[in-house]
Amino acid sequence: MTRRSRPRRLETSDLPFLIGRPTWAACLTFAVGLLLGAGAFAILWLLTDGLAADLHWYQLVFYTVAVTLFGMGAVIGFDRSFGFQLTLDIEGVRISGLFTRRLLTWQEITDIRFRRGRWYGSVDVYRVGHIAIHVDGSNNPRRHWSSLWFGYYDIPRLMKLSAKELTALLRHAKRRADAGWPDAAPRTRQKAG
């Protein structure tokens, strides 16, 4: 499969436009999912092995929250590993993971933002940021569990396009969709004269 570069101007003939993840990024995300899943199972094993009887209530709450967060992280890691891709289409953006598939229509998308990781400071590292897509809640819930209910749908780091390029492409596609995909109708030539 040849990799298509980002078109300068997105036309309907370019659609559907697929953006996947490099194999090494999928492997890395899968490994993170395995580690978080192993951590969740280790804590659960300790709790079921009689440790829970010796703990105070606040320690049980801490371990329950830890298992929940580790479990969610494992599911997110597995979902965004192999087979994760974005598909830009006339209807909207399809986010397809290992477990979940979602269509965010162009009409319900209210904002597309590039978000830089706060822990990197002012260092501009290639492919470091991620993308937040905000929706109005008409077709999909405004807050999604995979972004810990912060109020957006997250496109993760390490895609085949950098986060800045992907943000620009998504914004461009949103503008074209809001204009009704002007090149979708057949063009007629007018005679000079």
N, C-alpha and C. Protein backbone atom coordinates (compact mmCIF):
# COMPACT_ATOMS: atom_id res chain seq x y z
N MET A 1 0.84 -1.17 0.00
CA MET A 1 0.00 0.00 0.00
C MET A 1 0.88 1.23 0.00
N THR A 2 0.67 2.12 -0.93
CA THR A 2 1.46 3.33 -0.99
C THR A 2 0.84 4.39 -0.10
N ARG A 3 1.70 5.20 0.46
CA ARG A 3 1.23 6.24 1.35
C ARG A 3 0.90 7.48 0.53
N ARG A 4 -0.32 7.95 0.67
CA ARG A 4 -0.71 9.17 -0.02
C ARG A 4 -0.31 10.36 0.82
N SER A 5 0.29 11.35 0.17
CA SER A 5 0.65 12.54 0.92
C SER A 5 -0.58 13.42 1.09
N ARG A 6 -0.47 14.36 1.97
CA ARG A 6 -1.59 15.27 2.25
C ARG A 6 -1.82 16.16 1.04
N PRO A 7 -3.03 16.19 0.51
CA PRO A 7 -3.29 17.05 -0.64
C PRO A 7 -3.29 18.51 -0.23
N ARG A 8 -2.84 19.36 -1.12
CA ARG A 8 -2.82 20.79 -0.83
C ARG A 8 -4.25 21.32 -0.68
N ARG A 9 -5.12 20.87 -1.55
CA ARG A 9 -6.54 21.22 -1.46
C ARG A 9 -7.33 19.94 -1.55
N LEU A 10 -8.15 19.68 -0.58
CA LEU A 10 -8.91 18.44 -0.51
C LEU A 10 -10.13 18.54 -1.43
N GLU A 11 -10.17 17.67 -2.40
CA GLU A 11 -11.29 17.60 -3.35
C GLU A 11 -12.10 16.34 -3.04
N THR A 12 -13.29 16.28 -3.57
CA THR A 12 -14.11 15.09 -3.35
C THR A 12 -13.51 13.86 -4.02
N SER A 13 -12.67 14.07 -5.04
CA SER A 13 -12.01 12.93 -5.69
C SER A 13 -10.95 12.31 -4.77
N ASP A 14 -10.49 13.05 -3.76
CA ASP A 14 -9.52 12.54 -2.79
C ASP A 14 -10.17 11.71 -1.70
N LEU A 15 -11.50 11.77 -1.61
CA LEU A 15 -12.21 11.11 -0.53
C LEU A 15 -12.62 9.70 -0.93
N PRO A 16 -12.64 8.76 -0.06
CA PRO A 16 -12.24 8.85 1.34
C PRO A 16 -10.72 8.91 1.49
N PHE A 17 -10.27 9.74 2.41
CA PHE A 17 -8.85 9.93 2.67
C PHE A 17 -8.52 9.26 4.00
N LEU A 18 -7.64 8.28 3.99
CA LEU A 18 -7.31 7.49 5.18
C LEU A 18 -6.01 7.98 5.80
N ILE A 19 -6.00 8.09 7.12
CA ILE A 19 -4.80 8.42 7.88
C ILE A 19 -4.66 7.37 8.96
N GLY A 20 -3.60 6.60 8.91
CA GLY A 20 -3.37 5.53 9.87
C GLY A 20 -2.23 5.87 10.82
N ARG A 21 -1.73 4.83 11.45
CA ARG A 21 -0.59 4.97 12.37
C ARG A 21 0.56 4.15 11.83
N PRO A 22 1.79 4.61 12.04
CA PRO A 22 2.93 3.77 11.68
C PRO A 22 2.94 2.50 12.53
N THR A 23 3.53 1.45 12.01
CA THR A 23 3.54 0.16 12.72
C THR A 23 4.24 0.28 14.07
N TRP A 24 5.34 1.04 14.11
CA TRP A 24 6.07 1.16 15.38
C TRP A 24 5.22 1.89 16.42
N ALA A 25 4.41 2.86 16.02
CA ALA A 25 3.54 3.57 16.96
C ALA A 25 2.42 2.65 17.46
N ALA A 26 1.89 1.81 16.56
CA ALA A 26 0.86 0.86 16.98
C ALA A 26 1.43 -0.15 17.97
N CYS A 27 2.65 -0.62 17.73
CA CYS A 27 3.31 -1.55 18.66
C CYS A 27 3.56 -0.90 20.01
N LEU A 28 4.01 0.35 19.99
CA LEU A 28 4.27 1.08 21.24
C LEU A 28 2.99 1.26 22.04
N THR A 29 1.92 1.64 21.38
CA THR A 29 0.64 1.83 22.06
C THR A 29 0.10 0.51 22.60
N PHE A 30 0.28 -0.56 21.84
CA PHE A 30 -0.15 -1.88 22.30
C PHE A 30 0.65 -2.29 23.55
N ALA A 31 1.96 -2.01 23.56
CA ALA A 31 2.80 -2.34 24.72
C ALA A 31 2.36 -1.54 25.96
N VAL A 32 2.01 -0.27 25.77
CA VAL A 32 1.52 0.53 26.89
C VAL A 32 0.21 -0.05 27.42
N GLY A 33 -0.67 -0.47 26.50
CA GLY A 33 -1.91 -1.12 26.92
C GLY A 33 -1.66 -2.39 27.71
N LEU A 34 -0.66 -3.19 27.27
CA LEU A 34 -0.31 -4.41 28.01
C LEU A 34 0.19 -4.09 29.41
N LEU A 35 1.05 -3.08 29.53
CA LEU A 35 1.59 -2.72 30.85
C LEU A 35 0.49 -2.23 31.78
N LEU A 36 -0.39 -1.38 31.27
CA LEU A 36 -1.48 -0.88 32.12
C LEU A 36 -2.45 -2.00 32.50
N GLY A 37 -2.73 -2.89 31.55
CA GLY A 37 -3.59 -4.03 31.87
C GLY A 37 -2.96 -4.95 32.90
N ALA A 38 -1.65 -5.18 32.77
CA ALA A 38 -0.95 -6.01 33.76
C ALA A 38 -0.97 -5.36 35.14
N GLY A 39 -0.83 -4.03 35.17
CA GLY A 39 -0.91 -3.32 36.45
C GLY A 39 -2.28 -3.45 37.09
N ALA A 40 -3.32 -3.33 36.28
CA ALA A 40 -4.69 -3.47 36.81
C ALA A 40 -4.92 -4.88 37.35
N PHE A 41 -4.47 -5.90 36.61
CA PHE A 41 -4.64 -7.28 37.08
C PHE A 41 -3.80 -7.56 38.33
N ALA A 42 -2.62 -6.95 38.41
CA ALA A 42 -1.78 -7.15 39.60
C ALA A 42 -2.45 -6.57 40.85
N ILE A 43 -3.03 -5.39 40.72
CA ILE A 43 -3.71 -4.79 41.87
C ILE A 43 -4.94 -5.62 42.24
N LEU A 44 -5.69 -6.05 41.24
CA LEU A 44 -6.85 -6.90 41.54
C LEU A 44 -6.45 -8.20 42.20
N TRP A 45 -5.36 -8.81 41.76
CA TRP A 45 -4.88 -10.05 42.35
C TRP A 45 -4.49 -9.84 43.81
N LEU A 46 -3.82 -8.72 44.10
CA LEU A 46 -3.45 -8.43 45.49
C LEU A 46 -4.68 -8.23 46.36
N LEU A 47 -5.68 -7.55 45.80
CA LEU A 47 -6.90 -7.31 46.59
C LEU A 47 -7.69 -8.59 46.83
N THR A 48 -7.72 -9.48 45.88
CA THR A 48 -8.47 -10.73 46.06
C THR A 48 -7.68 -11.78 46.82
N ASP A 49 -6.40 -11.55 47.03
CA ASP A 49 -5.56 -12.53 47.73
C ASP A 49 -5.54 -12.29 49.24
N GLY A 50 -6.51 -11.57 49.75
CA GLY A 50 -6.60 -11.39 51.19
C GLY A 50 -6.04 -10.07 51.68
N LEU A 51 -5.44 -9.28 50.80
CA LEU A 51 -4.90 -7.99 51.22
C LEU A 51 -6.01 -7.01 51.56
N ALA A 52 -7.17 -7.15 50.93
CA ALA A 52 -8.26 -6.21 51.12
C ALA A 52 -8.78 -6.22 52.57
N ALA A 53 -8.65 -7.33 53.28
CA ALA A 53 -9.13 -7.40 54.66
C ALA A 53 -8.29 -6.54 55.60
N ASP A 54 -7.02 -6.31 55.26
CA ASP A 54 -6.13 -5.55 56.13
C ASP A 54 -6.08 -4.06 55.77
N LEU A 55 -6.84 -3.61 54.79
CA LEU A 55 -6.76 -2.23 54.34
C LEU A 55 -7.85 -1.38 54.98
N HIS A 56 -7.55 -0.09 55.10
CA HIS A 56 -8.55 0.88 55.54
C HIS A 56 -9.43 1.24 54.34
N TRP A 57 -10.55 1.89 54.62
CA TRP A 57 -11.50 2.22 53.55
C TRP A 57 -10.88 3.14 52.50
N TYR A 58 -10.06 4.12 52.93
CA TYR A 58 -9.47 5.05 51.98
C TYR A 58 -8.42 4.35 51.09
N GLN A 59 -7.77 3.32 51.60
CA GLN A 59 -6.85 2.55 50.77
C GLN A 59 -7.60 1.73 49.73
N LEU A 60 -8.76 1.18 50.11
CA LEU A 60 -9.59 0.46 49.15
C LEU A 60 -10.09 1.39 48.04
N VAL A 61 -10.46 2.63 48.43
CA VAL A 61 -10.89 3.61 47.43
C VAL A 61 -9.74 3.92 46.48
N PHE A 62 -8.55 4.11 47.01
CA PHE A 62 -7.37 4.40 46.18
C PHE A 62 -7.11 3.25 45.20
N TYR A 63 -7.13 2.03 45.68
CA TYR A 63 -6.86 0.89 44.81
C TYR A 63 -7.98 0.70 43.77
N THR A 64 -9.21 0.98 44.15
CA THR A 64 -10.32 0.89 43.20
C THR A 64 -10.17 1.91 42.08
N VAL A 65 -9.81 3.14 42.44
CA VAL A 65 -9.57 4.18 41.44
C VAL A 65 -8.39 3.80 40.55
N ALA A 66 -7.33 3.26 41.14
CA ALA A 66 -6.15 2.85 40.37
C ALA A 66 -6.49 1.75 39.37
N VAL A 67 -7.25 0.75 39.81
CA VAL A 67 -7.65 -0.33 38.91
C VAL A 67 -8.52 0.21 37.78
N THR A 68 -9.43 1.11 38.09
CA THR A 68 -10.30 1.69 37.07
C THR A 68 -9.50 2.47 36.03
N LEU A 69 -8.59 3.32 36.49
CA LEU A 69 -7.77 4.12 35.56
C LEU A 69 -6.83 3.24 34.75
N PHE A 70 -6.20 2.26 35.38
CA PHE A 70 -5.32 1.35 34.65
C PHE A 70 -6.11 0.55 33.61
N GLY A 71 -7.31 0.10 33.99
CA GLY A 71 -8.14 -0.65 33.06
C GLY A 71 -8.58 0.20 31.88
N MET A 72 -9.00 1.46 32.14
CA MET A 72 -9.37 2.35 31.04
C MET A 72 -8.18 2.63 30.14
N GLY A 73 -7.01 2.84 30.75
CA GLY A 73 -5.80 3.08 29.96
C GLY A 73 -5.45 1.88 29.09
N ALA A 74 -5.66 0.69 29.60
CA ALA A 74 -5.38 -0.51 28.82
C ALA A 74 -6.33 -0.62 27.63
N VAL A 75 -7.62 -0.37 27.87
CA VAL A 75 -8.60 -0.44 26.77
C VAL A 75 -8.29 0.62 25.72
N ILE A 76 -7.97 1.84 26.15
CA ILE A 76 -7.62 2.91 25.20
C ILE A 76 -6.36 2.54 24.44
N GLY A 77 -5.36 1.99 25.12
CA GLY A 77 -4.12 1.59 24.45
C GLY A 77 -4.35 0.52 23.41
N PHE A 78 -5.14 -0.48 23.74
CA PHE A 78 -5.44 -1.54 22.77
C PHE A 78 -6.27 -0.99 21.61
N ASP A 79 -7.25 -0.14 21.91
CA ASP A 79 -8.12 0.40 20.88
C ASP A 79 -7.35 1.25 19.87
N ARG A 80 -6.35 1.96 20.32
CA ARG A 80 -5.60 2.87 19.45
C ARG A 80 -4.32 2.25 18.92
N SER A 81 -4.19 0.96 18.99
CA SER A 81 -2.97 0.32 18.50
C SER A 81 -3.15 -0.12 17.06
N PHE A 82 -3.31 -1.39 16.83
CA PHE A 82 -3.39 -1.93 15.48
C PHE A 82 -4.75 -1.65 14.86
N GLY A 83 -4.75 -1.16 13.65
CA GLY A 83 -5.99 -0.89 12.94
C GLY A 83 -6.60 0.47 13.22
N PHE A 84 -5.98 1.29 14.06
CA PHE A 84 -6.54 2.61 14.34
C PHE A 84 -6.33 3.50 13.12
N GLN A 85 -7.41 4.14 12.66
CA GLN A 85 -7.28 5.05 11.54
C GLN A 85 -8.41 6.06 11.53
N LEU A 86 -8.14 7.17 10.86
CA LEU A 86 -9.14 8.20 10.59
C LEU A 86 -9.50 8.12 9.12
N THR A 87 -10.75 8.31 8.82
CA THR A 87 -11.20 8.35 7.43
C THR A 87 -11.97 9.64 7.23
N LEU A 88 -11.45 10.50 6.38
CA LEU A 88 -12.16 11.73 6.03
C LEU A 88 -13.06 11.40 4.85
N ASP A 89 -14.33 11.71 5.00
CA ASP A 89 -15.31 11.40 3.97
C ASP A 89 -16.24 12.59 3.81
N ILE A 90 -17.14 12.51 2.87
CA ILE A 90 -18.08 13.61 2.65
C ILE A 90 -18.98 13.80 3.87
N GLU A 91 -19.33 12.72 4.56
CA GLU A 91 -20.21 12.82 5.73
C GLU A 91 -19.50 13.39 6.95
N GLY A 92 -18.23 13.03 7.15
CA GLY A 92 -17.52 13.48 8.33
C GLY A 92 -16.23 12.72 8.54
N VAL A 93 -15.81 12.63 9.80
CA VAL A 93 -14.57 11.96 10.19
C VAL A 93 -14.95 10.65 10.87
N ARG A 94 -14.49 9.54 10.32
CA ARG A 94 -14.70 8.24 10.95
C ARG A 94 -13.45 7.90 11.76
N ILE A 95 -13.66 7.63 13.04
CA ILE A 95 -12.56 7.23 13.92
C ILE A 95 -12.76 5.75 14.18
N SER A 96 -11.84 4.93 13.67
CA SER A 96 -11.97 3.47 13.78
C SER A 96 -10.82 2.93 14.60
N GLY A 97 -11.14 2.28 15.69
CA GLY A 97 -10.14 1.63 16.51
C GLY A 97 -10.35 0.14 16.52
N LEU A 98 -9.62 -0.53 17.38
CA LEU A 98 -9.74 -1.98 17.51
C LEU A 98 -11.11 -2.38 18.07
N PHE A 99 -11.64 -1.58 19.01
CA PHE A 99 -12.91 -1.89 19.65
C PHE A 99 -14.04 -0.94 19.27
N THR A 100 -13.72 0.31 18.98
CA THR A 100 -14.75 1.32 18.77
C THR A 100 -14.70 1.88 17.36
N ARG A 101 -15.85 2.31 16.88
CA ARG A 101 -15.97 3.00 15.61
C ARG A 101 -16.98 4.12 15.81
N ARG A 102 -16.62 5.29 15.34
CA ARG A 102 -17.48 6.44 15.55
C ARG A 102 -17.42 7.34 14.34
N LEU A 103 -18.55 7.90 13.95
CA LEU A 103 -18.62 8.87 12.87
C LEU A 103 -18.98 10.22 13.47
N LEU A 104 -18.08 11.18 13.32
CA LEU A 104 -18.34 12.56 13.73
C LEU A 104 -18.69 13.33 12.46
N THR A 105 -19.95 13.71 12.30
CA THR A 105 -20.36 14.39 11.08
C THR A 105 -19.83 15.82 11.07
N TRP A 106 -19.66 16.36 9.87
CA TRP A 106 -19.12 17.72 9.74
C TRP A 106 -20.07 18.73 10.38
N GLN A 107 -21.39 18.47 10.36
CA GLN A 107 -22.35 19.41 10.93
C GLN A 107 -22.25 19.47 12.45
N GLU A 108 -21.90 18.37 13.10
CA GLU A 108 -21.84 18.38 14.56
C GLU A 108 -20.49 18.82 15.11
N ILE A 109 -19.45 18.86 14.28
CA ILE A 109 -18.13 19.29 14.76
C ILE A 109 -18.15 20.80 14.92
N THR A 110 -17.83 21.26 16.13
CA THR A 110 -17.82 22.70 16.41
C THR A 110 -16.43 23.29 16.42
N ASP A 111 -15.42 22.49 16.77
CA ASP A 111 -14.07 23.02 16.85
C ASP A 111 -13.06 21.88 16.71
N ILE A 112 -11.95 22.19 16.07
CA ILE A 112 -10.83 21.25 15.92
C ILE A 112 -9.59 21.98 16.40
N ARG A 113 -8.96 21.46 17.44
CA ARG A 113 -7.82 22.16 18.05
C ARG A 113 -6.59 21.26 18.12
N PHE A 114 -5.45 21.88 17.88
CA PHE A 114 -4.16 21.23 18.13
C PHE A 114 -3.83 21.47 19.59
N ARG A 115 -3.52 20.42 20.31
CA ARG A 115 -3.18 20.55 21.73
C ARG A 115 -1.77 20.02 21.96
N ARG A 116 -0.92 20.88 22.45
CA ARG A 116 0.45 20.50 22.76
C ARG A 116 0.49 19.91 24.16
N GLY A 117 1.29 18.86 24.34
CA GLY A 117 1.45 18.27 25.66
C GLY A 117 2.13 19.26 26.59
N ARG A 118 1.55 19.50 27.74
CA ARG A 118 2.07 20.52 28.66
C ARG A 118 3.45 20.17 29.22
N TRP A 119 3.74 18.88 29.33
CA TRP A 119 5.00 18.49 29.95
C TRP A 119 6.19 18.69 29.03
N TYR A 120 5.98 19.02 27.76
CA TYR A 120 7.10 19.25 26.85
C TYR A 120 7.57 20.69 26.87
N GLY A 121 6.80 21.59 27.49
CA GLY A 121 7.20 22.98 27.57
C GLY A 121 7.22 23.63 26.21
N SER A 122 8.29 24.35 25.92
CA SER A 122 8.37 25.06 24.65
C SER A 122 9.14 24.27 23.59
N VAL A 123 9.49 23.04 23.89
CA VAL A 123 10.23 22.22 22.95
C VAL A 123 9.27 21.75 21.85
N ASP A 124 9.61 22.01 20.60
CA ASP A 124 8.77 21.59 19.50
C ASP A 124 9.30 20.28 18.95
N VAL A 125 8.71 19.18 19.37
CA VAL A 125 9.12 17.85 18.96
C VAL A 125 8.16 17.37 17.88
N TYR A 126 8.67 16.67 16.88
CA TYR A 126 7.86 16.18 15.77
C TYR A 126 6.78 15.24 16.27
N ARG A 127 5.54 15.47 15.85
CA ARG A 127 4.38 14.64 16.15
C ARG A 127 4.03 14.57 17.64
N VAL A 128 4.36 15.61 18.42
CA VAL A 128 4.14 15.53 19.86
C VAL A 128 2.70 15.84 20.24
N GLY A 129 2.08 16.81 19.61
CA GLY A 129 0.75 17.22 20.01
C GLY A 129 -0.31 16.21 19.62
N HIS A 130 -1.50 16.44 20.10
CA HIS A 130 -2.64 15.62 19.71
C HIS A 130 -3.78 16.56 19.33
N ILE A 131 -4.84 16.01 18.83
CA ILE A 131 -5.93 16.81 18.28
C ILE A 131 -7.18 16.57 19.11
N ALA A 132 -7.87 17.65 19.43
CA ALA A 132 -9.13 17.58 20.15
C ALA A 132 -10.24 18.03 19.21
N ILE A 133 -11.23 17.16 19.01
CA ILE A 133 -12.38 17.49 18.18
C ILE A 133 -13.58 17.67 19.10
N HIS A 134 -14.15 18.88 19.10
CA HIS A 134 -15.31 19.19 19.93
C HIS A 134 -16.57 19.04 19.08
N VAL A 135 -17.60 18.44 19.65
CA VAL A 135 -18.87 18.25 18.95
C VAL A 135 -19.99 18.91 19.76
N ASP A 136 -21.12 19.17 19.07
CA ASP A 136 -22.24 19.85 19.73
C ASP A 136 -23.17 18.91 20.48
N GLY A 137 -23.00 17.60 20.33
CA GLY A 137 -23.83 16.64 21.04
C GLY A 137 -25.07 16.21 20.30
N SER A 138 -25.22 16.60 19.04
CA SER A 138 -26.43 16.23 18.30
C SER A 138 -26.43 14.76 17.90
N ASN A 139 -25.30 14.21 17.48
CA ASN A 139 -25.22 12.79 17.08
C ASN A 139 -24.41 11.95 18.06
N ASN A 140 -23.37 12.52 18.60
CA ASN A 140 -22.49 11.82 19.54
C ASN A 140 -22.45 12.62 20.85
N PRO A 141 -22.21 11.95 21.97
CA PRO A 141 -22.12 12.69 23.23
C PRO A 141 -20.98 13.70 23.18
N ARG A 142 -21.17 14.84 23.85
CA ARG A 142 -20.14 15.88 23.85
C ARG A 142 -18.87 15.43 24.56
N ARG A 143 -19.03 14.60 25.58
CA ARG A 143 -17.88 14.14 26.36
C ARG A 143 -17.73 12.64 26.15
N HIS A 144 -16.50 12.22 25.88
CA HIS A 144 -16.26 10.81 25.61
C HIS A 144 -15.37 10.23 26.69
N TRP A 145 -15.60 8.98 27.04
CA TRP A 145 -14.85 8.35 28.12
C TRP A 145 -13.37 8.21 27.79
N SER A 146 -13.02 8.08 26.49
CA SER A 146 -11.60 7.88 26.15
C SER A 146 -10.77 9.13 26.38
N SER A 147 -11.40 10.30 26.48
CA SER A 147 -10.66 11.51 26.85
C SER A 147 -10.97 11.89 28.30
N LEU A 148 -11.39 10.90 29.07
CA LEU A 148 -11.72 11.06 30.49
C LEU A 148 -12.78 12.13 30.71
N TRP A 149 -13.73 12.22 29.79
CA TRP A 149 -14.87 13.12 29.88
C TRP A 149 -14.46 14.59 29.97
N PHE A 150 -13.35 14.98 29.34
CA PHE A 150 -12.94 16.38 29.33
C PHE A 150 -13.72 17.21 28.31
N GLY A 151 -14.51 16.59 27.47
CA GLY A 151 -15.36 17.35 26.56
C GLY A 151 -14.89 17.38 25.13
N TYR A 152 -14.13 16.40 24.69
CA TYR A 152 -13.71 16.35 23.29
C TYR A 152 -13.39 14.91 22.92
N TYR A 153 -13.26 14.70 21.61
CA TYR A 153 -12.81 13.42 21.09
C TYR A 153 -11.35 13.58 20.72
N ASP A 154 -10.54 12.69 21.21
CA ASP A 154 -9.10 12.80 21.10
C ASP A 154 -8.58 11.99 19.93
N ILE A 155 -7.76 12.63 19.09
CA ILE A 155 -7.01 11.92 18.06
C ILE A 155 -5.59 11.82 18.63
N PRO A 156 -5.08 10.63 18.83
CA PRO A 156 -3.83 10.48 19.58
C PRO A 156 -2.60 10.96 18.81
N ARG A 157 -1.52 11.00 19.53
CA ARG A 157 -0.23 11.33 18.97
C ARG A 157 0.23 10.20 18.04
N LEU A 158 1.28 10.47 17.32
CA LEU A 158 1.99 9.47 16.51
C LEU A 158 1.13 8.89 15.39
N MET A 159 0.51 9.76 14.63
CA MET A 159 -0.18 9.32 13.41
C MET A 159 0.82 9.46 12.26
N LYS A 160 0.43 9.00 11.05
CA LYS A 160 1.33 9.10 9.90
C LYS A 160 1.53 10.54 9.46
N LEU A 161 0.58 11.42 9.75
CA LEU A 161 0.75 12.85 9.56
C LEU A 161 1.03 13.46 10.93
N SER A 162 1.83 14.51 10.97
CA SER A 162 2.06 15.16 12.25
C SER A 162 0.76 15.80 12.73
N ALA A 163 0.69 16.10 14.00
CA ALA A 163 -0.54 16.63 14.57
C ALA A 163 -0.89 17.99 13.97
N LYS A 164 0.11 18.80 13.68
CA LYS A 164 -0.16 20.11 13.07
C LYS A 164 -0.68 19.94 11.65
N GLU A 165 -0.08 19.03 10.88
CA GLU A 165 -0.57 18.78 9.52
C GLU A 165 -1.99 18.22 9.54
N LEU A 166 -2.25 17.31 10.45
CA LEU A 166 -3.56 16.69 10.54
C LEU A 166 -4.62 17.70 10.99
N THR A 167 -4.26 18.58 11.92
CA THR A 167 -5.18 19.63 12.34
C THR A 167 -5.52 20.54 11.16
N ALA A 168 -4.51 20.93 10.39
CA ALA A 168 -4.75 21.79 9.23
C ALA A 168 -5.63 21.07 8.21
N LEU A 169 -5.40 19.78 7.99
CA LEU A 169 -6.20 19.02 7.04
C LEU A 169 -7.65 18.89 7.51
N LEU A 170 -7.86 18.62 8.79
CA LEU A 170 -9.22 18.51 9.32
C LEU A 170 -9.96 19.84 9.25
N ARG A 171 -9.27 20.93 9.57
CA ARG A 171 -9.92 22.25 9.48
C ARG A 171 -10.27 22.59 8.04
N HIS A 172 -9.36 22.26 7.12
CA HIS A 172 -9.61 22.50 5.70
C HIS A 172 -10.82 21.69 5.24
N ALA A 173 -10.89 20.42 5.62
CA ALA A 173 -12.02 19.58 5.24
C ALA A 173 -13.32 20.10 5.85
N LYS A 174 -13.26 20.60 7.07
CA LYS A 174 -14.45 21.17 7.72
C LYS A 174 -14.94 22.40 6.95
N ARG A 175 -14.01 23.28 6.53
CA ARG A 175 -14.40 24.45 5.74
C ARG A 175 -15.03 24.03 4.41
N ARG A 176 -14.44 23.03 3.75
CA ARG A 176 -14.97 22.56 2.48
C ARG A 176 -16.35 21.94 2.67
N ALA A 177 -16.52 21.17 3.75
CA ALA A 177 -17.83 20.56 4.02
C ALA A 177 -18.87 21.61 4.34
N ASP A 178 -18.51 22.65 5.10
CA ASP A 178 -19.45 23.72 5.42
C ASP A 178 -19.87 24.48 4.16
N ALA A 179 -18.97 24.52 3.16
CA ALA A 179 -19.31 25.17 1.88
C ALA A 179 -20.08 24.24 0.96
N GLY A 180 -20.33 23.02 1.40
CA GLY A 180 -21.11 22.06 0.61
C GLY A 180 -20.29 21.32 -0.43
N TRP A 181 -18.99 21.17 -0.19
CA TRP A 181 -18.09 20.51 -1.13
C TRP A 181 -18.33 21.06 -2.54
N PRO A 182 -17.90 22.28 -2.82
CA PRO A 182 -18.22 22.94 -4.08
C PRO A 182 -17.82 22.16 -5.33
N ASP A 183 -16.81 21.34 -5.27
CA ASP A 183 -16.38 20.61 -6.46
C ASP A 183 -17.19 19.33 -6.67
N ALA A 184 -18.15 19.03 -5.79
CA ALA A 184 -18.93 17.81 -5.93
C ALA A 184 -19.90 17.89 -7.11
N ALA A 185 -20.39 19.08 -7.40
CA ALA A 185 -21.30 19.25 -8.54
C ALA A 185 -20.49 19.31 -9.83
N PRO A 186 -21.02 18.76 -10.91
CA PRO A 186 -20.28 18.82 -12.17
C PRO A 186 -20.14 20.27 -12.63
N ARG A 187 -18.96 20.58 -13.10
CA ARG A 187 -18.68 21.94 -13.56
C ARG A 187 -19.05 22.08 -15.04
N THR A 188 -19.62 23.20 -15.37
CA THR A 188 -19.95 23.47 -16.77
C THR A 188 -19.08 24.62 -17.25
N ARG A 189 -18.58 24.47 -18.44
CA ARG A 189 -17.75 25.53 -19.02
C ARG A 189 -18.64 26.55 -19.71
N GLN A 190 -18.31 27.79 -19.49
CA GLN A 190 -19.04 28.83 -20.19
C GLN A 190 -18.25 29.27 -21.41
N LYS A 191 -18.96 29.50 -22.47
CA LYS A 191 -18.28 29.94 -23.69
C LYS A 191 -17.92 31.40 -23.61
N ALA A 192 -16.74 31.71 -24.03
CA ALA A 192 -16.31 33.09 -24.07
C ALA A 192 -16.93 33.76 -25.28
N GLY A 193 -17.45 34.96 -25.06
CA GLY A 193 -17.87 35.52 -26.26
C GLY A 193 -18.89 36.43 -26.39
